[in-house]
N, C-alpha and C. Protein backbone atom coordinates (compact mmCIF):
# COMPACT_ATOMS: atom_id res chain seq x y z
N UNK A 1 106.83 117.41 106.00
CA UNK A 1 105.93 117.11 104.87
C UNK A 1 104.56 116.73 105.41
N UNK A 2 103.54 117.20 104.74
CA UNK A 2 102.17 116.91 105.15
C UNK A 2 101.75 115.56 104.57
N UNK A 3 101.17 114.75 105.43
CA UNK A 3 100.69 113.44 105.00
C UNK A 3 99.17 113.48 104.84
N UNK A 4 98.71 113.14 103.67
CA UNK A 4 97.27 113.09 103.41
C UNK A 4 96.85 111.63 103.25
N UNK A 5 95.68 111.32 103.79
CA UNK A 5 95.08 110.00 103.60
C UNK A 5 93.65 110.22 103.16
N UNK A 6 93.23 109.47 102.14
CA UNK A 6 91.83 109.52 101.71
C UNK A 6 91.23 108.14 101.91
N UNK A 7 90.11 108.11 102.64
CA UNK A 7 89.32 106.89 102.77
C UNK A 7 88.38 106.91 101.59
N UNK A 8 88.67 106.03 100.63
CA UNK A 8 88.19 106.15 99.26
C UNK A 8 87.37 104.93 98.84
N UNK A 9 86.31 105.22 98.07
CA UNK A 9 85.55 104.17 97.40
C UNK A 9 85.62 104.50 95.91
N UNK A 10 86.39 103.74 95.14
CA UNK A 10 86.56 104.06 93.72
C UNK A 10 85.27 104.02 92.91
N UNK A 11 84.21 103.39 93.43
CA UNK A 11 82.93 103.34 92.72
C UNK A 11 82.08 104.58 92.97
N UNK A 12 82.51 105.45 93.88
CA UNK A 12 81.76 106.65 94.25
C UNK A 12 82.29 107.86 93.48
N UNK A 13 81.42 108.55 92.75
CA UNK A 13 81.86 109.69 91.95
C UNK A 13 82.43 110.81 92.81
N UNK A 14 81.83 111.09 93.97
CA UNK A 14 82.35 112.15 94.84
C UNK A 14 83.74 111.79 95.37
N UNK A 15 83.93 110.52 95.65
CA UNK A 15 85.22 110.06 96.13
C UNK A 15 86.28 110.20 95.03
N UNK A 16 85.92 109.81 93.81
CA UNK A 16 86.85 109.96 92.68
C UNK A 16 87.16 111.44 92.43
N UNK A 17 86.14 112.30 92.50
CA UNK A 17 86.35 113.74 92.27
C UNK A 17 87.26 114.34 93.35
N UNK A 18 87.06 113.91 94.59
CA UNK A 18 87.89 114.42 95.69
C UNK A 18 89.34 113.99 95.50
N UNK A 19 89.56 112.73 95.14
CA UNK A 19 90.91 112.24 94.89
C UNK A 19 91.55 113.02 93.75
N UNK A 20 90.81 113.27 92.69
CA UNK A 20 91.33 114.02 91.55
C UNK A 20 91.68 115.45 91.95
N UNK A 21 90.85 116.07 92.78
CA UNK A 21 91.10 117.43 93.25
C UNK A 21 92.41 117.49 94.04
N UNK A 22 92.65 116.49 94.87
CA UNK A 22 93.92 116.43 95.60
C UNK A 22 95.08 116.33 94.62
N UNK A 23 94.97 115.42 93.65
CA UNK A 23 96.05 115.23 92.67
C UNK A 23 96.26 116.48 91.84
N UNK A 24 95.16 117.17 91.49
CA UNK A 24 95.28 118.42 90.72
C UNK A 24 96.03 119.49 91.49
N UNK A 25 96.06 119.35 92.82
CA UNK A 25 96.79 120.30 93.66
C UNK A 25 98.15 119.75 94.08
N UNK A 26 98.63 118.76 93.34
CA UNK A 26 99.97 118.23 93.57
C UNK A 26 100.09 117.32 94.78
N UNK A 27 98.99 116.78 95.25
CA UNK A 27 99.00 115.93 96.44
C UNK A 27 98.74 114.49 96.02
N UNK A 28 99.65 113.61 96.41
CA UNK A 28 99.47 112.17 96.19
C UNK A 28 99.16 111.54 97.54
N UNK A 29 97.88 111.45 97.89
CA UNK A 29 97.53 110.94 99.21
C UNK A 29 97.71 109.43 99.32
N UNK A 30 97.83 108.97 100.55
CA UNK A 30 97.72 107.54 100.80
C UNK A 30 96.25 107.20 100.58
N UNK A 31 95.99 106.24 99.72
CA UNK A 31 94.61 105.86 99.39
C UNK A 31 94.25 104.59 100.15
N UNK A 32 93.22 104.69 100.98
CA UNK A 32 92.71 103.54 101.72
C UNK A 32 91.34 103.20 101.15
N UNK A 33 91.26 102.08 100.46
CA UNK A 33 89.96 101.62 99.97
C UNK A 33 89.27 100.96 101.14
N UNK A 34 88.51 101.79 101.88
CA UNK A 34 88.00 101.38 103.18
C UNK A 34 86.98 100.25 103.13
N UNK A 35 86.39 99.98 101.97
CA UNK A 35 85.48 98.83 101.90
C UNK A 35 86.27 97.52 101.95
N UNK A 36 87.51 97.54 101.44
CA UNK A 36 88.39 96.36 101.48
C UNK A 36 89.23 96.33 102.74
N UNK A 37 89.62 97.51 103.24
CA UNK A 37 90.46 97.63 104.43
C UNK A 37 89.84 98.64 105.38
N UNK A 38 88.80 98.25 106.11
CA UNK A 38 88.12 99.20 106.98
C UNK A 38 89.04 99.72 108.08
N UNK A 39 88.86 100.98 108.46
CA UNK A 39 89.65 101.49 109.57
C UNK A 39 89.25 100.76 110.86
N UNK A 40 90.20 100.64 111.78
CA UNK A 40 89.93 100.01 113.08
C UNK A 40 89.13 100.97 113.95
N UNK A 41 88.66 100.47 115.08
CA UNK A 41 87.94 101.33 116.03
C UNK A 41 88.85 102.48 116.45
N UNK A 42 90.12 102.17 116.72
CA UNK A 42 91.09 103.20 117.13
C UNK A 42 91.25 104.25 116.02
N UNK A 43 91.37 103.79 114.77
CA UNK A 43 91.50 104.73 113.64
C UNK A 43 90.23 105.56 113.48
N UNK A 44 89.07 104.94 113.63
CA UNK A 44 87.81 105.69 113.53
C UNK A 44 87.73 106.77 114.61
N UNK A 45 88.18 106.44 115.81
CA UNK A 45 88.17 107.45 116.89
C UNK A 45 89.05 108.64 116.51
N UNK A 46 90.22 108.35 115.94
CA UNK A 46 91.12 109.43 115.51
C UNK A 46 90.49 110.25 114.38
N UNK A 47 89.82 109.58 113.45
CA UNK A 47 89.14 110.28 112.34
C UNK A 47 88.04 111.17 112.89
N UNK A 48 87.24 110.65 113.81
CA UNK A 48 86.15 111.46 114.40
C UNK A 48 86.70 112.68 115.12
N UNK A 49 87.81 112.49 115.83
CA UNK A 49 88.43 113.62 116.53
C UNK A 49 88.90 114.66 115.51
N UNK A 50 89.53 114.19 114.43
CA UNK A 50 90.02 115.11 113.39
C UNK A 50 88.88 115.83 112.69
N UNK A 51 87.75 115.14 112.53
CA UNK A 51 86.57 115.74 111.90
C UNK A 51 85.81 116.63 112.89
N UNK A 52 86.08 116.42 114.17
CA UNK A 52 85.36 117.12 115.24
C UNK A 52 83.85 116.82 115.15
N UNK A 53 83.54 115.52 115.06
CA UNK A 53 82.13 115.13 114.97
C UNK A 53 81.93 113.80 115.68
N UNK A 54 80.68 113.38 115.74
CA UNK A 54 80.35 112.11 116.39
C UNK A 54 80.26 111.00 115.34
N UNK A 55 80.24 109.77 115.83
CA UNK A 55 80.09 108.62 114.93
C UNK A 55 78.80 108.75 114.12
N UNK A 56 77.74 109.19 114.77
CA UNK A 56 76.44 109.35 114.10
C UNK A 56 76.55 110.29 112.90
N UNK A 57 77.44 111.30 113.01
CA UNK A 57 77.57 112.30 111.94
C UNK A 57 78.15 111.74 110.64
N UNK A 58 78.84 110.60 110.71
CA UNK A 58 79.45 110.06 109.49
C UNK A 58 78.80 108.76 109.04
N UNK A 59 77.59 108.52 109.53
CA UNK A 59 76.87 107.32 109.11
C UNK A 59 75.99 107.60 107.89
N UNK A 60 76.05 106.68 106.95
CA UNK A 60 75.18 106.75 105.77
C UNK A 60 73.89 106.02 106.12
N UNK A 61 72.93 106.77 106.63
CA UNK A 61 71.71 106.17 107.17
C UNK A 61 70.78 105.61 106.11
N UNK A 62 71.02 105.92 104.86
CA UNK A 62 70.15 105.41 103.79
C UNK A 62 70.65 104.08 103.22
N UNK A 63 71.84 103.64 103.63
CA UNK A 63 72.35 102.35 103.16
C UNK A 63 71.56 101.22 103.83
N UNK A 64 71.29 100.15 103.07
CA UNK A 64 70.60 98.99 103.63
C UNK A 64 71.34 98.45 104.86
N UNK A 65 72.67 98.48 104.80
CA UNK A 65 73.48 97.95 105.89
C UNK A 65 73.27 98.72 107.19
N UNK A 66 72.82 99.96 107.10
CA UNK A 66 72.60 100.76 108.31
C UNK A 66 71.58 100.07 109.22
N UNK A 67 70.45 99.66 108.64
CA UNK A 67 69.43 98.96 109.43
C UNK A 67 69.84 97.52 109.70
N UNK A 68 70.40 96.84 108.68
CA UNK A 68 70.79 95.44 108.84
C UNK A 68 71.81 95.27 109.97
N UNK A 69 72.70 96.26 110.13
CA UNK A 69 73.77 96.17 111.12
C UNK A 69 73.27 96.47 112.54
N UNK A 70 72.10 97.07 112.64
CA UNK A 70 71.60 97.47 113.94
C UNK A 70 72.04 98.86 114.36
N UNK A 71 72.70 99.57 113.46
CA UNK A 71 73.17 100.92 113.79
C UNK A 71 72.03 101.92 114.00
N UNK A 72 70.84 101.54 113.58
CA UNK A 72 69.69 102.43 113.79
C UNK A 72 69.14 102.34 115.22
N UNK A 73 69.80 101.54 116.07
CA UNK A 73 69.43 101.43 117.48
C UNK A 73 70.06 102.59 118.24
N UNK A 74 69.24 103.50 118.74
CA UNK A 74 69.78 104.70 119.38
C UNK A 74 70.30 104.44 120.80
N UNK A 75 70.27 103.18 121.24
CA UNK A 75 70.80 102.84 122.56
C UNK A 75 72.24 102.32 122.50
N UNK A 76 72.81 102.26 121.29
CA UNK A 76 74.19 101.77 121.15
C UNK A 76 75.16 102.77 121.77
N UNK A 77 76.21 102.23 122.37
CA UNK A 77 77.29 103.10 122.86
C UNK A 77 78.15 103.51 121.66
N UNK A 78 79.00 104.49 121.85
CA UNK A 78 79.90 104.92 120.77
C UNK A 78 80.79 103.76 120.33
N UNK A 79 81.33 103.02 121.30
CA UNK A 79 82.19 101.89 120.92
C UNK A 79 81.42 100.83 120.13
N UNK A 80 80.16 100.58 120.50
CA UNK A 80 79.36 99.63 119.74
C UNK A 80 79.12 100.15 118.32
N UNK A 81 78.84 101.44 118.19
CA UNK A 81 78.68 102.02 116.85
C UNK A 81 79.95 101.83 116.03
N UNK A 82 81.10 102.14 116.63
CA UNK A 82 82.36 102.04 115.90
C UNK A 82 82.66 100.60 115.51
N UNK A 83 82.39 99.66 116.39
CA UNK A 83 82.62 98.26 116.06
C UNK A 83 81.75 97.81 114.89
N UNK A 84 80.51 98.28 114.86
CA UNK A 84 79.63 97.95 113.73
C UNK A 84 80.09 98.63 112.45
N UNK A 85 80.64 99.83 112.57
CA UNK A 85 81.16 100.53 111.39
C UNK A 85 82.34 99.77 110.79
N UNK A 86 83.16 99.15 111.63
CA UNK A 86 84.27 98.33 111.14
C UNK A 86 83.73 97.10 110.41
N UNK A 87 82.69 96.49 110.98
CA UNK A 87 82.09 95.29 110.37
C UNK A 87 81.31 95.61 109.10
N UNK A 88 80.71 96.80 109.04
CA UNK A 88 79.88 97.21 107.90
C UNK A 88 80.39 98.55 107.36
N UNK A 89 81.59 98.54 106.74
CA UNK A 89 82.20 99.82 106.33
C UNK A 89 81.39 100.62 105.32
N UNK A 90 80.46 99.97 104.64
CA UNK A 90 79.65 100.69 103.65
C UNK A 90 78.83 101.81 104.29
N UNK A 91 78.60 101.72 105.59
CA UNK A 91 77.80 102.75 106.27
C UNK A 91 78.61 104.01 106.60
N UNK A 92 79.93 103.97 106.37
CA UNK A 92 80.78 105.12 106.67
C UNK A 92 80.70 106.12 105.52
N UNK A 93 80.47 107.38 105.85
CA UNK A 93 80.42 108.44 104.84
C UNK A 93 81.73 108.48 104.08
N UNK A 94 81.66 108.87 102.83
CA UNK A 94 82.86 108.91 101.99
C UNK A 94 82.84 110.11 101.09
N UNK A 95 83.96 110.51 100.63
CA UNK A 95 85.29 110.16 101.11
C UNK A 95 85.65 111.01 102.33
N UNK A 96 86.55 110.49 103.11
CA UNK A 96 87.10 111.27 104.24
C UNK A 96 88.57 111.48 103.94
N UNK A 97 89.00 112.73 104.01
CA UNK A 97 90.40 113.07 103.79
C UNK A 97 90.98 113.57 105.11
N UNK A 98 92.11 112.96 105.50
CA UNK A 98 92.76 113.31 106.74
C UNK A 98 94.15 113.87 106.42
N UNK A 99 94.46 114.97 107.09
CA UNK A 99 95.81 115.56 107.01
C UNK A 99 96.22 115.88 108.44
N UNK A 100 97.21 115.14 108.93
CA UNK A 100 97.66 115.30 110.30
C UNK A 100 96.49 115.14 111.27
N UNK A 101 96.14 116.18 112.03
CA UNK A 101 95.06 116.06 113.01
C UNK A 101 93.79 116.74 112.56
N UNK A 102 93.66 117.00 111.26
CA UNK A 102 92.45 117.62 110.70
C UNK A 102 91.89 116.68 109.63
N UNK A 103 90.58 116.77 109.44
CA UNK A 103 89.94 115.93 108.41
C UNK A 103 88.69 116.63 107.90
N UNK A 104 88.29 116.27 106.69
CA UNK A 104 87.04 116.75 106.11
C UNK A 104 86.39 115.60 105.34
N UNK A 105 85.08 115.74 105.17
CA UNK A 105 84.34 114.82 104.31
C UNK A 105 84.24 115.49 102.95
N UNK A 106 84.60 114.77 101.90
CA UNK A 106 84.62 115.33 100.56
C UNK A 106 83.25 115.37 99.91
N UNK A 107 82.30 115.91 100.58
CA UNK A 107 80.95 116.13 100.05
C UNK A 107 80.56 117.55 100.39
N UNK A 108 80.70 118.47 99.49
CA UNK A 108 81.20 118.34 98.13
C UNK A 108 82.73 118.19 98.12
N UNK A 109 83.30 117.74 97.00
CA UNK A 109 84.74 117.53 96.91
C UNK A 109 85.55 118.78 97.30
N UNK A 110 85.01 119.97 97.05
CA UNK A 110 85.73 121.21 97.34
C UNK A 110 86.04 121.38 98.83
N UNK A 111 85.35 120.62 99.69
CA UNK A 111 85.66 120.69 101.13
C UNK A 111 87.13 120.38 101.40
N UNK A 112 87.72 119.55 100.54
CA UNK A 112 89.10 119.15 100.75
C UNK A 112 90.08 120.33 100.64
N UNK A 113 89.65 121.40 99.97
CA UNK A 113 90.52 122.58 99.82
C UNK A 113 90.84 123.21 101.18
N UNK A 114 89.99 122.96 102.19
CA UNK A 114 90.25 123.47 103.53
C UNK A 114 91.53 122.89 104.12
N UNK A 115 91.95 121.73 103.64
CA UNK A 115 93.15 121.06 104.18
C UNK A 115 94.42 121.43 103.43
N UNK A 116 94.28 122.03 102.28
CA UNK A 116 95.46 122.29 101.42
C UNK A 116 96.13 123.60 101.83
C-alpha cells in the first residue's frame, strides 16, 4: 500500500485544494499540520531528497520570518538552514506531499497528480 503524507496548513487555500484533490482520488493521506508539528532536520533532509531540491528551493522568501530568522544569510550551511526551518516552519513552502521516496509541492495543486 502506498503511504501519502501531506505537510499541510489548513489556512492555506492551495494546501486545502491539494488535500481535497488527494481525497477526490481516493487517497486519505497522513496530514501533518507542520506549523504545529514541524518536521525534524532529519525529516526535512528526507523531504528534500524526495523533492530532489535544495533547502533554498522550498523557502518562502516573502514571509516576514524569512528575514527575522536569518535565513536570508547566504553564508548559512544546509544544516543551519534546516535547523532554522524547524524553528520557523512558516518559511517552509506548502503544501508538500510525500509518497514513499517521491514528493511534490502542491503549487499548483495538480502537481500532486504526478504521485498518484
